[in-house]
Structures are given as structure tokens and as C-alpha cells.
Amino acid sequence: MAKRIQFAAHGGPEVLEYVDYQPAAPGPQEVRVRNRAIGLNFIDTYYRSGLYQPPALPSGLGTEGAGEVEAVGSAVSGLKVGDRVAYATGPLGAYSELHVLPADKLVKLPAAIGFEQAAAVLLKGLTVQYLLRQTYEVQAGQTILWHAAAGGVGLLACQWAKALGVQLIGTVSSPAKAALAEANGAWATIDYSREDVCARVRELTAGKKCPVVYDSVGKDTWEISLDCVKPRGLLVSFGNASGPVTGVDLGILAQKGSLYVTRPSLFAYANSRESLQAMADELFGLLASGQLKVEIGQRYALADAAQAQTALASRQTTGSTILLP
């Protein structure tokens, strides 16, 4: 028997329950992991609220964790009991002491990477990897815009962009968050609570605007983001922190300069054991070299997951947040 967080109805953080749970035995291609640390991510709130649908209710929650292999299925190769592993791409159920998941969702942890570090960084780091290295392969000398630069994903993006020689302009909500983003490598910051984002982007780019804009905020920043993309540039919309973008008139892309828009997800990029491990290896290499550092801003007990999600949604957190079983 183990403990886990589950929800039987969609709603706010109050629907999360801390319950006893008996995980099934691993199937032939599955592994059971004893979690030592669990990642908290905005996508978790989408499943809880009903914006994204879980397979069935009641449902577990969370897609990211790190720990030790406790049992392996009969057809699993390359993993054994006692291996240190991490995962970031589901299935739902990471908010648990024990989690059973397909073996091809796991990456092996190098000795230099701890459980808390892995749980704090893997989903966010893989996200930054596919966004900066695959969705749009940024080049040294370019100036790009990244919304919510002081969040967990944003702080990693600031560091990764700097390591690539890219000038990242980050939007933030306060002077303290501006300082944090700049300390992590942002080339410039814009406090959207008191500055005109589009005007500042034009000023910082000598009127050229950005070849790519990364937007995880969604509804509130959609129009702003479009106005910051240079002609024939790309808007990468990869999150819905303020709500989903709906009712889009494609004609606006022509009006704004023949723009491109994509709505990518990690799952389409880390879609095989080989691609997942390759992406993770690049991330772990940058962490081991010191070019990337992960700040764990908050640690909560697993039982306090609702409190942790409330803090995340109200933008009271900085860096990454983890749950400890």
C-alpha cells in the first residue's frame, strides 16, 4: 500500500485527495518506481481543472518524478531493480509514493544528477530543449522573446539561450522577477505590469522585432506576442497559464506579416525511447557542466499538493517546485 494524490471530479485545488493506493503489478513492458521526488508543473493544473482530460476518474495526477526502480516487467530490457531513473512524460500518477509506467518513458540518471534535481528539471528542461533546439533552432546572435521568464521553464530558457549565444528578452511581473531572470542569463527584461511589451521589444531590437516568440501564457498575451514577431517569424504557443487561445482568425497572421504559429507539445518530440534519452542526455550534459543550474524554490510534502498548486497558479513561486513523498 502507498499514498497518492488523486481527484474524482474536476475543479480547483480543493478536489485533490490524499489517499491510500495499491498500484498494479508492472505489465510486461512496465516498471514500478519508488519516487524520491516529484515535479510540480502547470500542466498538472490543466488535468485537474478539466482543460485536459485524464483517461478516467478518479485519476492520479502528475507526469514527472525521480526515484529507484523497484520492479520490472517480464519483457523490460535495459533497466533493473535499483537503477536510478527519472521520467517526465506520463502517464498520470506521479503524485504518488509508487508509480507504474512504461519502461520507454524512463531515462537513466547519471551519478552527478540527484533525485530532487531531476524531478525539478526534467520536464522543464526537456521542454526548453525541444523549444530552443527543435521547434525553432535558435542561432547565436539572435534576439528572442520569452514570456514568464522567471518561472521554472523560463529560468532554464534564460540560461540555455545564453549558453547558445542568444539574446533572450524575458517578460516578468515584478522587479524581483526581472532581477531573477537577469541573474539567470536574460539579456533584457520587460515588466509587463508597468511597461508596454511591444514598444520595448521594438526599442530593444531597433524596430526589427523577434524571429521567434515563446508564449506559455496563452489568452492574455496572444495579441502581444503576434505584435512582437518580425515578418515571416514564428510564434510558439506552448501553454495556457492565463487560459487557452480560442477564436483565432487566421487572417491576422497575414495582416501581421505572413507569420507562422505552432502549438507544440513535448510528447510529439520525446516520442520514442531514443529521442527521449537523447534530449535528456543534452540536458544532463549542460547541468553537469554548470551551464544550466536548477533552482528549487519550493519544497512541499506530497500531502500538501493542493497548497503547492495554489501557490503555482497564483504566481507566488519562483524557479521549480517539488513534492516529497
Protein backbone atom coordinates (compact mmCIF):
# COMPACT_ATOMS: atom_id res chain seq x y z
CA MET A 1 0.00 0.00 0.00
CA ALA A 2 1.18 3.51 -0.81
CA LYS A 3 -0.10 7.06 -0.60
CA ARG A 4 -1.03 9.18 -3.60
CA ILE A 5 -2.89 12.31 -4.67
CA GLN A 6 -5.97 11.70 -6.79
CA PHE A 7 -9.08 13.59 -7.93
CA ALA A 8 -12.59 12.26 -8.62
CA ALA A 9 -14.04 15.48 -10.08
CA HIS A 10 -12.65 18.46 -11.96
CA GLY A 11 -12.24 21.75 -10.14
CA GLY A 12 -9.84 23.81 -8.08
CA PRO A 13 -7.08 22.53 -5.78
CA GLU A 14 -9.72 21.52 -3.24
CA VAL A 15 -10.64 18.46 -5.36
CA LEU A 16 -7.24 16.86 -4.69
CA GLU A 17 -7.36 13.99 -2.19
CA TYR A 18 -4.50 12.28 -0.32
CA VAL A 19 -5.47 8.61 -0.27
CA ASP A 20 -4.22 5.07 0.22
CA TYR A 21 -3.39 3.44 -3.09
CA GLN A 22 -2.39 -0.02 -4.26
CA PRO A 23 -0.55 0.17 -7.60
CA ALA A 24 -0.92 -2.71 -10.01
CA ALA A 25 1.98 -5.05 -10.67
CA PRO A 26 4.06 -3.92 -13.67
CA GLY A 27 2.94 -5.31 -17.02
CA PRO A 28 5.48 -6.94 -19.36
CA GLN A 29 6.78 -3.59 -20.69
CA GLU A 30 6.33 -1.63 -17.44
CA VAL A 31 8.40 -0.63 -14.43
CA ARG A 32 7.41 0.29 -10.87
CA VAL A 33 9.33 3.26 -9.49
CA ARG A 34 9.57 4.32 -5.85
CA ASN A 35 9.51 8.08 -6.12
CA ARG A 36 12.04 10.09 -4.11
CA ALA A 37 10.97 13.45 -5.57
CA ILE A 38 8.07 14.59 -7.78
CA GLY A 39 7.89 17.55 -10.15
CA LEU A 40 5.09 20.13 -9.97
CA ASN A 41 4.09 21.63 -13.33
CA PHE A 42 1.40 23.89 -14.78
CA ILE A 43 0.12 21.06 -16.98
CA ASP A 44 -0.96 19.28 -13.78
CA THR A 45 -3.49 22.05 -13.12
CA TYR A 46 -4.89 21.62 -16.64
CA TYR A 47 -5.76 17.98 -15.94
CA ARG A 48 -7.20 18.84 -12.52
CA SER A 49 -9.38 21.66 -13.88
CA GLY A 50 -10.64 19.69 -16.88
CA LEU A 51 -8.89 21.73 -19.57
CA TYR A 52 -7.10 18.48 -20.44
CA GLN A 53 -8.99 15.23 -19.94
CA PRO A 54 -7.49 12.34 -17.94
CA PRO A 55 -8.23 8.82 -19.19
CA ALA A 56 -10.79 8.20 -16.41
CA LEU A 57 -11.86 9.43 -12.98
CA PRO A 58 -10.79 9.05 -10.26
CA SER A 59 -7.35 9.81 -11.65
CA GLY A 60 -3.84 10.19 -10.39
CA LEU A 61 -2.00 13.38 -11.25
CA GLY A 62 1.45 14.47 -12.37
CA THR A 63 3.81 13.22 -15.07
CA GLU A 64 7.26 13.86 -13.60
CA GLY A 65 9.33 12.19 -10.92
CA ALA A 66 12.61 10.57 -10.00
CA GLY A 67 13.45 7.57 -7.89
CA GLU A 68 14.57 3.96 -7.92
CA VAL A 69 13.32 1.03 -9.95
CA GLU A 70 11.52 -1.32 -7.56
CA ALA A 71 10.13 -3.90 -10.00
CA VAL A 72 10.40 -4.57 -13.73
CA GLY A 73 8.08 -6.32 -16.16
CA SER A 74 8.99 -9.59 -17.82
CA ALA A 75 9.81 -8.03 -21.22
CA VAL A 76 11.75 -4.97 -20.00
CA SER A 77 15.36 -4.70 -21.11
CA GLY A 78 17.97 -2.12 -20.17
CA LEU A 79 16.56 -1.45 -16.70
CA LYS A 80 16.91 -3.39 -13.45
CA VAL A 81 15.84 -3.16 -9.84
CA GLY A 82 17.83 -0.47 -8.05
CA ASP A 83 18.51 1.71 -11.11
CA ARG A 84 18.24 5.47 -10.57
CA VAL A 85 15.73 6.83 -13.06
CA ALA A 86 13.59 9.83 -13.89
CA TYR A 87 10.56 10.42 -16.09
CA ALA A 88 8.62 13.42 -17.34
CA THR A 89 6.10 12.32 -19.96
CA GLY A 90 3.49 10.39 -18.03
CA PRO A 91 1.25 8.55 -17.71
CA LEU A 92 -0.63 10.47 -15.00
CA GLY A 93 0.08 9.31 -11.47
CA ALA A 94 3.45 10.77 -10.48
CA TYR A 95 1.95 12.40 -7.35
CA SER A 96 2.45 9.10 -5.55
CA GLU A 97 4.92 7.16 -3.45
CA LEU A 98 4.88 4.40 -6.11
CA HIS A 99 4.26 4.80 -9.83
CA VAL A 100 3.93 2.14 -12.54
CA LEU A 101 4.73 3.36 -16.03
CA PRO A 102 6.03 2.12 -19.40
CA ALA A 103 9.76 1.45 -19.42
CA ASP A 104 10.19 3.61 -22.54
CA LYS A 105 9.14 6.69 -20.52
CA LEU A 106 12.17 6.39 -18.22
CA VAL A 107 15.65 7.84 -18.57
CA LYS A 108 18.62 6.70 -16.55
CA LEU A 109 20.08 9.28 -14.21
CA PRO A 110 23.82 9.98 -14.35
CA ALA A 111 25.57 9.79 -10.98
CA ALA A 112 26.03 13.57 -10.98
CA ILE A 113 22.26 14.25 -11.05
CA GLY A 114 20.31 13.89 -7.78
CA PHE A 115 16.66 12.86 -7.42
CA GLU A 116 15.46 16.31 -6.35
CA GLN A 117 17.40 17.98 -9.15
CA ALA A 118 16.00 15.53 -11.73
CA ALA A 119 12.40 15.95 -10.55
CA ALA A 120 12.81 19.73 -10.55
CA VAL A 121 14.34 19.95 -14.00
CA LEU A 122 13.45 17.08 -16.34
CA LEU A 123 10.06 18.15 -17.72
CA LYS A 124 11.06 21.81 -17.84
CA GLY A 125 14.49 21.01 -19.28
CA LEU A 126 13.11 18.72 -21.97
CA THR A 127 10.58 21.44 -22.80
CA VAL A 128 13.32 24.04 -23.25
CA GLN A 129 15.36 21.54 -25.27
CA TYR A 130 12.65 20.91 -27.85
CA LEU A 131 11.60 24.58 -28.00
CA LEU A 132 15.07 26.09 -28.47
CA ARG A 133 16.71 23.21 -30.32
CA GLN A 134 13.92 21.65 -32.40
CA THR A 135 10.68 23.65 -32.75
CA TYR A 136 12.83 26.63 -33.76
CA GLU A 137 16.58 26.11 -33.72
CA VAL A 138 17.77 29.42 -32.31
CA GLN A 139 21.11 30.75 -33.51
CA ALA A 140 23.85 32.73 -31.77
CA GLY A 141 23.30 36.46 -32.16
CA GLN A 142 19.51 36.27 -32.48
CA THR A 143 17.21 38.21 -30.14
CA ILE A 144 14.14 36.28 -29.00
CA LEU A 145 11.20 36.96 -26.66
CA TRP A 146 10.20 34.58 -23.86
CA HIS A 147 7.13 35.21 -21.71
CA ALA A 148 7.16 34.32 -17.98
CA ALA A 149 10.94 34.30 -17.87
CA ALA A 150 11.13 33.93 -14.07
CA GLY A 151 9.17 30.67 -13.92
CA GLY A 152 10.73 27.23 -13.79
CA VAL A 153 10.81 26.80 -17.56
CA GLY A 154 11.71 30.43 -18.14
CA LEU A 155 14.76 30.42 -15.89
CA LEU A 156 16.14 27.38 -17.69
CA ALA A 157 15.43 29.05 -21.04
CA CYS A 158 17.35 32.15 -19.93
CA GLN A 159 20.39 30.02 -19.09
CA TRP A 160 20.17 27.79 -22.18
CA ALA A 161 19.75 30.77 -24.52
CA LYS A 162 22.80 32.45 -23.01
CA ALA A 163 24.82 29.23 -23.41
CA LEU A 164 23.88 29.28 -27.11
CA GLY A 165 24.83 32.94 -27.54
CA VAL A 166 21.21 34.04 -27.94
CA GLN A 167 19.88 37.33 -26.55
CA LEU A 168 16.70 36.46 -24.63
CA ILE A 169 14.23 39.20 -23.72
CA GLY A 170 12.08 37.94 -20.84
CA THR A 171 8.72 39.29 -19.71
CA VAL A 172 8.15 39.33 -15.93
CA SER A 173 5.60 40.66 -13.45
CA SER A 174 7.81 42.43 -10.90
CA PRO A 175 11.26 43.98 -10.36
CA ALA A 176 12.25 40.99 -8.21
CA LYS A 177 11.40 38.56 -11.02
CA ALA A 178 13.26 40.78 -13.50
CA ALA A 179 16.36 40.55 -11.33
CA LEU A 180 15.98 36.77 -11.08
CA ALA A 181 15.65 36.33 -14.85
CA GLU A 182 18.66 38.56 -15.49
CA ALA A 183 20.70 36.67 -12.90
CA ASN A 184 19.91 33.52 -14.89
CA GLY A 185 21.10 34.95 -18.19
CA ALA A 186 18.27 37.00 -19.66
CA TRP A 187 19.74 39.67 -21.93
CA ALA A 188 16.92 42.09 -21.08
CA THR A 189 13.62 42.00 -19.18
CA ILE A 190 10.26 43.75 -19.59
CA ASP A 191 7.95 44.24 -16.59
CA TYR A 192 4.56 43.82 -18.28
CA SER A 193 2.77 45.20 -15.21
CA ARG A 194 4.13 48.66 -15.96
CA GLU A 195 5.79 48.60 -19.40
CA ASP A 196 4.42 48.30 -22.94
CA VAL A 197 5.85 44.97 -24.05
CA CYS A 198 5.56 45.59 -27.80
CA ALA A 199 7.08 49.06 -27.59
CA ARG A 200 10.01 47.79 -25.53
CA VAL A 201 10.63 44.88 -27.92
CA ARG A 202 10.76 47.29 -30.86
CA GLU A 203 13.13 49.51 -28.88
CA LEU A 204 15.42 46.62 -27.88
CA THR A 205 15.54 45.23 -31.44
CA ALA A 206 15.92 48.59 -33.25
CA GLY A 207 12.46 48.09 -34.74
CA LYS A 208 13.14 44.64 -36.21
CA LYS A 209 11.17 42.63 -33.62
CA CYS A 210 11.95 38.93 -32.98
CA PRO A 211 12.29 35.96 -35.32
CA VAL A 212 10.62 33.78 -32.68
CA VAL A 213 8.43 34.44 -29.63
CA TYR A 214 7.82 31.75 -26.99
CA ASP A 215 4.47 32.12 -25.20
CA SER A 216 3.27 29.85 -22.38
CA VAL A 217 0.77 32.40 -21.03
CA GLY A 218 -1.88 31.99 -23.72
CA LYS A 219 -5.02 34.13 -23.89
CA ASP A 220 -3.65 37.26 -22.17
CA THR A 221 -0.51 37.55 -24.32
CA TRP A 222 -1.66 36.19 -27.70
CA GLU A 223 -2.07 39.59 -29.38
CA ILE A 224 1.05 40.98 -27.72
CA SER A 225 3.10 38.04 -28.93
CA LEU A 226 1.88 38.40 -32.53
CA ASP A 227 2.92 42.06 -32.47
CA CYS A 228 6.44 41.15 -31.34
CA VAL A 229 7.16 38.67 -34.18
CA LYS A 230 9.04 40.01 -37.20
CA PRO A 231 7.56 39.40 -40.68
CA ARG A 232 7.64 35.69 -41.58
CA GLY A 233 8.67 34.90 -38.00
CA LEU A 234 7.28 32.21 -35.71
CA LEU A 235 5.05 32.39 -32.64
CA VAL A 236 5.47 29.29 -30.48
CA SER A 237 2.39 28.98 -28.23
CA PHE A 238 3.17 26.22 -25.74
CA GLY A 239 0.98 26.86 -22.70
CA ASN A 240 -2.27 28.27 -21.32
CA ALA A 241 -1.36 29.86 -17.97
CA SER A 242 -3.98 32.60 -18.45
CA GLY A 243 -6.44 30.39 -20.35
CA PRO A 244 -6.47 28.85 -23.84
CA VAL A 245 -6.27 30.85 -27.05
CA THR A 246 -9.61 30.47 -28.85
CA GLY A 247 -11.49 32.00 -31.77
CA VAL A 248 -8.37 32.71 -33.82
CA ASP A 249 -8.87 34.37 -37.21
CA LEU A 250 -6.08 33.01 -39.41
CA GLY A 251 -6.22 36.18 -41.49
CA ILE A 252 -4.49 38.03 -38.65
CA LEU A 253 -1.30 36.12 -39.50
CA ALA A 254 -1.30 37.72 -42.95
CA GLN A 255 -2.04 41.16 -41.53
CA LYS A 256 0.85 40.93 -39.04
CA GLY A 257 3.43 39.98 -41.68
CA SER A 258 2.85 36.44 -43.01
CA LEU A 259 3.55 34.96 -39.59
CA TYR A 260 3.81 31.30 -38.61
CA VAL A 261 2.23 29.87 -35.45
CA THR A 262 2.76 26.46 -33.90
CA ARG A 263 1.25 24.79 -30.83
CA PRO A 264 3.80 22.10 -29.97
CA SER A 265 3.91 19.61 -27.11
CA LEU A 266 6.78 17.68 -25.60
CA PHE A 267 5.02 14.37 -26.26
CA ALA A 268 5.35 14.80 -30.05
CA TYR A 269 9.11 15.35 -29.72
CA ALA A 270 10.01 12.82 -26.99
CA ASN A 271 8.04 10.17 -28.86
CA SER A 272 10.48 7.26 -28.58
CA ARG A 273 12.92 5.88 -26.01
CA GLU A 274 15.79 7.01 -28.25
CA SER A 275 14.60 10.60 -28.74
CA LEU A 276 13.73 10.96 -25.05
CA GLN A 277 17.15 9.74 -23.89
CA ALA A 278 18.96 11.91 -26.45
CA MET A 279 17.10 15.01 -25.30
CA ALA A 280 17.73 14.14 -21.65
CA ASP A 281 21.43 13.50 -22.31
CA GLU A 282 21.83 17.00 -23.78
CA LEU A 283 20.07 18.45 -20.74
CA PHE A 284 22.13 16.42 -18.25
CA GLY A 285 25.33 17.41 -20.04
CA LEU A 286 24.58 21.11 -19.62
CA LEU A 287 23.70 20.54 -15.96
CA ALA A 288 26.89 18.58 -15.32
CA SER A 289 29.00 21.30 -17.00
CA GLY A 290 27.40 24.02 -14.89
CA GLN A 291 25.94 25.88 -17.89
CA LEU A 292 22.48 25.09 -16.53
CA LYS A 293 21.51 25.29 -12.87
CA VAL A 294 18.10 24.46 -11.46
CA GLU A 295 16.74 26.49 -8.58
CA ILE A 296 14.34 24.58 -6.33
CA GLY A 297 12.37 27.50 -4.98
CA GLN A 298 9.82 25.46 -3.02
CA ARG A 299 9.54 22.01 -1.47
CA TYR A 300 6.18 20.65 -0.29
CA ALA A 301 5.16 17.35 1.27
CA LEU A 302 3.16 15.20 -1.15
CA ALA A 303 0.13 15.56 1.14
CA ASP A 304 0.26 19.34 0.57
CA ALA A 305 -0.06 19.15 -3.22
CA ALA A 306 -3.18 21.35 -3.22
CA GLN A 307 -1.31 24.09 -1.38
CA ALA A 308 1.58 23.78 -3.84
CA GLN A 309 -0.75 24.08 -6.85
CA THR A 310 -2.43 27.14 -5.35
CA ALA A 311 0.95 28.85 -4.98
CA LEU A 312 1.92 27.92 -8.53
CA ALA A 313 -1.31 29.18 -10.11
CA SER A 314 -1.17 32.49 -8.21
CA ARG A 315 2.42 33.10 -9.38
CA GLN A 316 3.79 33.02 -5.85
CA THR A 317 6.55 30.58 -6.79
CA THR A 318 9.98 31.12 -8.31
CA GLY A 319 12.06 28.53 -10.05
CA SER A 320 10.94 24.91 -9.71
CA THR A 321 8.69 23.34 -7.11
CA ILE A 322 8.91 19.72 -6.00
CA LEU A 323 6.78 17.40 -3.88
CA LEU A 324 8.44 14.99 -1.47
CA PRO A 325 6.71 11.68 -0.70
